[in-house]
Amino acid sequence: MLKNIPGVLGPELIKVLMEMGHGDEILIADGNFPAASNAIRLIRCDGLNIVDLLEPILNFFPLDTFEKSPVIMMAVEKGDNYKPVIWESFNSKIKSYFEDFEGFEFLDRKSFYRRAKECYAIIATSETHRYANIILRKGIV
């Protein structure tokens, strides 16, 4: 047993976060994302939403400050009028840990899926918000 590690960060997730090096990327995926068929390493966090995981991960995970945007999001599909309000929560959480955060990089769905296949790991959640998939690029300490 360890102290001060949030319960939502299980041993497998902590291990993966520690294994990752500078420039490696991890995807925290919503419940609609085909995580199992795209993951090199799959971490299941069923029952959790992304905001519940994002804050504890950012507490330990340095973002890559050498890149313009170390956070990549899936853009809303053309013709879809959905407004992803969860992006505001993501932005707020990230800025609370990284004051210099300038905003997200957006990729269309097909490009995002290709990028996901290259991620070091994918965390599958039960997030119900659409377009809630978020890729974090690891920086240095």
C-alpha atoms as a PDB file:
ATOM      1  CA  MET A   1       0.000   0.000   0.000  1.00  0.00           C
ATOM      2  CA  LEU A   2       1.249   3.493  -0.832  1.00  0.00           C
ATOM      3  CA  LYS A   3       0.184   6.867   0.498  1.00  0.00           C
ATOM      4  CA  ASN A   4      -1.279   9.819  -1.406  1.00  0.00           C
ATOM      5  CA  ILE A   5      -1.936   8.005  -4.701  1.00  0.00           C
ATOM      6  CA  PRO A   6      -5.557   8.546  -5.760  1.00  0.00           C
ATOM      7  CA  GLY A   7      -7.588   5.352  -5.903  1.00  0.00           C
ATOM      8  CA  VAL A   8      -8.546   5.954  -9.548  1.00  0.00           C
ATOM      9  CA  LEU A   9      -4.905   5.466 -10.540  1.00  0.00           C
ATOM     10  CA  GLY A  10      -4.540   1.707 -10.355  1.00  0.00           C
ATOM     11  CA  PRO A  11      -1.196  -0.117 -10.418  1.00  0.00           C
ATOM     12  CA  GLU A  12      -1.299  -0.810 -14.155  1.00  0.00           C
ATOM     13  CA  LEU A  13      -1.906   2.854 -14.978  1.00  0.00           C
ATOM     14  CA  ILE A  14       0.825   4.071 -12.594  1.00  0.00           C
ATOM     15  CA  LYS A  15       3.259   1.561 -14.145  1.00  0.00           C
ATOM     16  CA  VAL A  16       2.473   2.763 -17.691  1.00  0.00           C
ATOM     17  CA  LEU A  17       2.796   6.449 -16.736  1.00  0.00           C
ATOM     18  CA  MET A  18       6.206   5.699 -15.212  1.00  0.00           C
ATOM     19  CA  GLU A  19       7.372   3.657 -18.221  1.00  0.00           C
ATOM     20  CA  MET A  20       6.573   6.420 -20.684  1.00  0.00           C
ATOM     21  CA  GLY A  21       9.385   8.675 -21.878  1.00  0.00           C
ATOM     22  CA  HIS A  22       9.626  12.166 -23.322  1.00  0.00           C
ATOM     23  CA  GLY A  23       7.376  12.477 -26.364  1.00  0.00           C
ATOM     24  CA  ASP A  24       5.366   9.320 -25.673  1.00  0.00           C
ATOM     25  CA  GLU A  25       1.612   9.807 -25.879  1.00  0.00           C
ATOM     26  CA  ILE A  26      -1.295   8.363 -23.926  1.00  0.00           C
ATOM     27  CA  LEU A  27      -4.942   8.515 -24.959  1.00  0.00           C
ATOM     28  CA  ILE A  28      -7.722   8.791 -22.410  1.00  0.00           C
ATOM     29  CA  ALA A  29     -10.671   7.529 -24.446  1.00  0.00           C
ATOM     30  CA  ASP A  30     -14.406   7.994 -24.065  1.00  0.00           C
ATOM     31  CA  GLY A  31     -16.806   5.062 -23.967  1.00  0.00           C
ATOM     32  CA  ASN A  32     -17.484   5.207 -27.721  1.00  0.00           C
ATOM     33  CA  PHE A  33     -13.838   5.001 -28.792  1.00  0.00           C
ATOM     34  CA  PRO A  34     -12.706   1.606 -30.190  1.00  0.00           C
ATOM     35  CA  ALA A  35      -9.941   1.345 -27.583  1.00  0.00           C
ATOM     36  CA  ALA A  36      -9.353  -2.421 -27.630  1.00  0.00           C
ATOM     37  CA  SER A  37      -8.915  -2.596 -31.398  1.00  0.00           C
ATOM     38  CA  ASN A  38      -6.532   0.388 -31.510  1.00  0.00           C
ATOM     39  CA  ALA A  39      -4.371  -0.052 -28.416  1.00  0.00           C
ATOM     40  CA  ILE A  40      -0.817  -1.288 -28.182  1.00  0.00           C
ATOM     41  CA  ARG A  41      -1.391  -1.326 -24.404  1.00  0.00           C
ATOM     42  CA  LEU A  42      -4.947  -1.145 -23.093  1.00  0.00           C
ATOM     43  CA  ILE A  43      -5.775   0.028 -19.578  1.00  0.00           C
ATOM     44  CA  ARG A  44      -9.409  -0.435 -18.559  1.00  0.00           C
ATOM     45  CA  CYS A  45     -10.881   2.166 -16.239  1.00  0.00           C
ATOM     46  CA  ASP A  46     -14.506   1.118 -16.502  1.00  0.00           C
ATOM     47  CA  GLY A  47     -16.930   3.145 -14.420  1.00  0.00           C
ATOM     48  CA  LEU A  48     -14.725   6.248 -14.484  1.00  0.00           C
ATOM     49  CA  ASN A  49     -15.133   9.351 -16.594  1.00  0.00           C
ATOM     50  CA  ILE A  50     -12.252  11.278 -18.114  1.00  0.00           C
ATOM     51  CA  VAL A  51     -12.398  14.282 -15.784  1.00  0.00           C
ATOM     52  CA  ASP A  52     -12.057  11.898 -12.795  1.00  0.00           C
ATOM     53  CA  LEU A  53      -8.816  10.588 -14.311  1.00  0.00           C
ATOM     54  CA  LEU A  54      -7.402  13.736 -15.881  1.00  0.00           C
ATOM     55  CA  GLU A  55      -6.668  15.633 -12.679  1.00  0.00           C
ATOM     56  CA  PRO A  56      -4.843  12.819 -10.843  1.00  0.00           C
ATOM     57  CA  ILE A  57      -2.876  11.966 -13.988  1.00  0.00           C
ATOM     58  CA  LEU A  58      -1.821  15.605 -14.486  1.00  0.00           C
ATOM     59  CA  ASN A  59      -0.636  15.694 -10.877  1.00  0.00           C
ATOM     60  CA  PHE A  60       2.108  13.214 -11.840  1.00  0.00           C
ATOM     61  CA  PHE A  61       2.406  13.558 -15.632  1.00  0.00           C
ATOM     62  CA  PRO A  62       4.530  16.375 -17.107  1.00  0.00           C
ATOM     63  CA  LEU A  63       3.241  17.719 -20.409  1.00  0.00           C
ATOM     64  CA  ASP A  64       5.696  18.296 -23.248  1.00  0.00           C
ATOM     65  CA  THR A  65       6.506  22.014 -23.161  1.00  0.00           C
ATOM     66  CA  PHE A  66       8.785  21.720 -26.212  1.00  0.00           C
ATOM     67  CA  GLU A  67       5.767  21.315 -28.480  1.00  0.00           C
ATOM     68  CA  LYS A  68       3.184  23.984 -29.326  1.00  0.00           C
ATOM     69  CA  SER A  69       0.355  21.813 -28.043  1.00  0.00           C
ATOM     70  CA  PRO A  70       1.012  18.708 -25.944  1.00  0.00           C
ATOM     71  CA  VAL A  71      -2.730  17.937 -25.873  1.00  0.00           C
ATOM     72  CA  ILE A  72      -4.540  16.559 -28.907  1.00  0.00           C
ATOM     73  CA  MET A  73      -8.307  16.327 -29.279  1.00  0.00           C
ATOM     74  CA  MET A  74     -10.668  14.795 -31.824  1.00  0.00           C
ATOM     75  CA  ALA A  75     -12.377  17.590 -33.763  1.00  0.00           C
ATOM     76  CA  VAL A  76     -16.132  17.618 -34.171  1.00  0.00           C
ATOM     77  CA  GLU A  77     -17.129  16.024 -37.477  1.00  0.00           C
ATOM     78  CA  LYS A  78     -18.204  18.406 -40.245  1.00  0.00           C
ATOM     79  CA  GLY A  79     -21.968  18.728 -40.217  1.00  0.00           C
ATOM     80  CA  ASP A  80     -22.293  17.652 -36.580  1.00  0.00           C
ATOM     81  CA  ASN A  81     -23.719  20.530 -34.523  1.00  0.00           C
ATOM     82  CA  TYR A  82     -22.695  18.955 -31.204  1.00  0.00           C
ATOM     83  CA  LYS A  83     -20.887  21.332 -28.807  1.00  0.00           C
ATOM     84  CA  PRO A  84     -18.472  19.393 -26.560  1.00  0.00           C
ATOM     85  CA  VAL A  85     -18.890  21.246 -23.248  1.00  0.00           C
ATOM     86  CA  ILE A  86     -16.463  18.798 -21.633  1.00  0.00           C
ATOM     87  CA  TRP A  87     -13.631  20.572 -23.463  1.00  0.00           C
ATOM     88  CA  GLU A  88     -14.052  23.491 -21.057  1.00  0.00           C
ATOM     89  CA  SER A  89     -13.439  21.129 -18.121  1.00  0.00           C
ATOM     90  CA  PHE A  90     -10.362  19.698 -19.838  1.00  0.00           C
ATOM     91  CA  ASN A  91      -8.988  23.171 -20.526  1.00  0.00           C
ATOM     92  CA  SER A  92      -9.593  24.281 -16.945  1.00  0.00           C
ATOM     93  CA  LYS A  93      -7.940  21.173 -15.448  1.00  0.00           C
ATOM     94  CA  ILE A  94      -4.910  21.429 -17.727  1.00  0.00           C
ATOM     95  CA  LYS A  95      -4.436  25.158 -17.068  1.00  0.00           C
ATOM     96  CA  SER A  96      -4.552  24.530 -13.319  1.00  0.00           C
ATOM     97  CA  TYR A  97      -1.434  22.355 -13.701  1.00  0.00           C
ATOM     98  CA  PHE A  98       0.241  24.077 -16.662  1.00  0.00           C
ATOM     99  CA  GLU A  99      -0.260  27.847 -16.657  1.00  0.00           C
ATOM    100  CA  ASP A 100       1.415  28.276 -20.055  1.00  0.00           C
ATOM    101  CA  PHE A 101      -1.036  25.916 -21.794  1.00  0.00           C
ATOM    102  CA  GLU A 102      -2.073  27.625 -25.044  1.00  0.00           C
ATOM    103  CA  GLY A 103      -4.805  25.297 -26.236  1.00  0.00           C
ATOM    104  CA  PHE A 104      -5.535  22.013 -27.918  1.00  0.00           C
ATOM    105  CA  GLU A 105      -4.395  20.640 -31.237  1.00  0.00           C
ATOM    106  CA  PHE A 106      -7.366  19.205 -33.144  1.00  0.00           C
ATOM    107  CA  LEU A 107      -7.338  16.286 -35.567  1.00  0.00           C
ATOM    108  CA  ASP A 108     -10.180  15.035 -37.731  1.00  0.00           C
ATOM    109  CA  ARG A 109     -11.595  11.652 -36.675  1.00  0.00           C
ATOM    110  CA  LYS A 110      -9.611   9.512 -39.150  1.00  0.00           C
ATOM    111  CA  SER A 111      -6.331  11.279 -38.351  1.00  0.00           C
ATOM    112  CA  PHE A 112      -7.071  10.980 -34.639  1.00  0.00           C
ATOM    113  CA  TYR A 113      -7.665   7.228 -34.972  1.00  0.00           C
ATOM    114  CA  ARG A 114      -4.354   6.840 -36.829  1.00  0.00           C
ATOM    115  CA  ARG A 115      -2.601   8.812 -34.086  1.00  0.00           C
ATOM    116  CA  ALA A 116      -4.268   6.685 -31.400  1.00  0.00           C
ATOM    117  CA  LYS A 117      -2.718   3.537 -32.873  1.00  0.00           C
ATOM    118  CA  GLU A 118       0.716   5.073 -32.211  1.00  0.00           C
ATOM    119  CA  CYS A 119       0.016   5.975 -28.579  1.00  0.00           C
ATOM    120  CA  TYR A 120       2.054   4.213 -25.935  1.00  0.00           C
ATOM    121  CA  ALA A 121      -1.214   3.241 -24.243  1.00  0.00           C
ATOM    122  CA  ILE A 122      -4.951   3.840 -24.378  1.00  0.00           C
ATOM    123  CA  ILE A 123      -7.029   4.236 -21.237  1.00  0.00           C
ATOM    124  CA  ALA A 124     -10.610   3.055 -21.866  1.00  0.00           C
ATOM    125  CA  THR A 125     -13.176   4.879 -19.711  1.00  0.00           C
ATOM    126  CA  SER A 126     -16.962   4.938 -19.397  1.00  0.00           C
ATOM    127  CA  GLU A 127     -17.121   8.616 -20.407  1.00  0.00           C
ATOM    128  CA  THR A 128     -20.463   9.390 -22.073  1.00  0.00           C
ATOM    129  CA  HIS A 129     -19.644  12.830 -23.506  1.00  0.00           C
ATOM    130  CA  ARG A 130     -18.976  12.731 -27.239  1.00  0.00           C
ATOM    131  CA  TYR A 131     -15.645  13.992 -28.624  1.00  0.00           C
ATOM    132  CA  ALA A 132     -14.101  13.567 -25.186  1.00  0.00           C
ATOM    133  CA  ASN A 133     -11.009  11.662 -26.356  1.00  0.00           C
ATOM    134  CA  ILE A 134      -7.799  13.367 -25.276  1.00  0.00           C
ATOM    135  CA  ILE A 135      -4.170  12.542 -26.062  1.00  0.00           C
ATOM    136  CA  LEU A 136      -1.445  13.764 -23.688  1.00  0.00           C
ATOM    137  CA  ARG A 137       2.206  14.003 -24.805  1.00  0.00           C
ATOM    138  CA  LYS A 138       4.685  13.405 -22.009  1.00  0.00           C
ATOM    139  CA  GLY A 139       7.315  16.004 -21.237  1.00  0.00           C
ATOM    140  CA  ILE A 140      10.309  16.031 -18.945  1.00  0.00           C
ATOM    141  CA  VAL A 141      10.701  16.716 -15.239  1.00  0.00           C
END
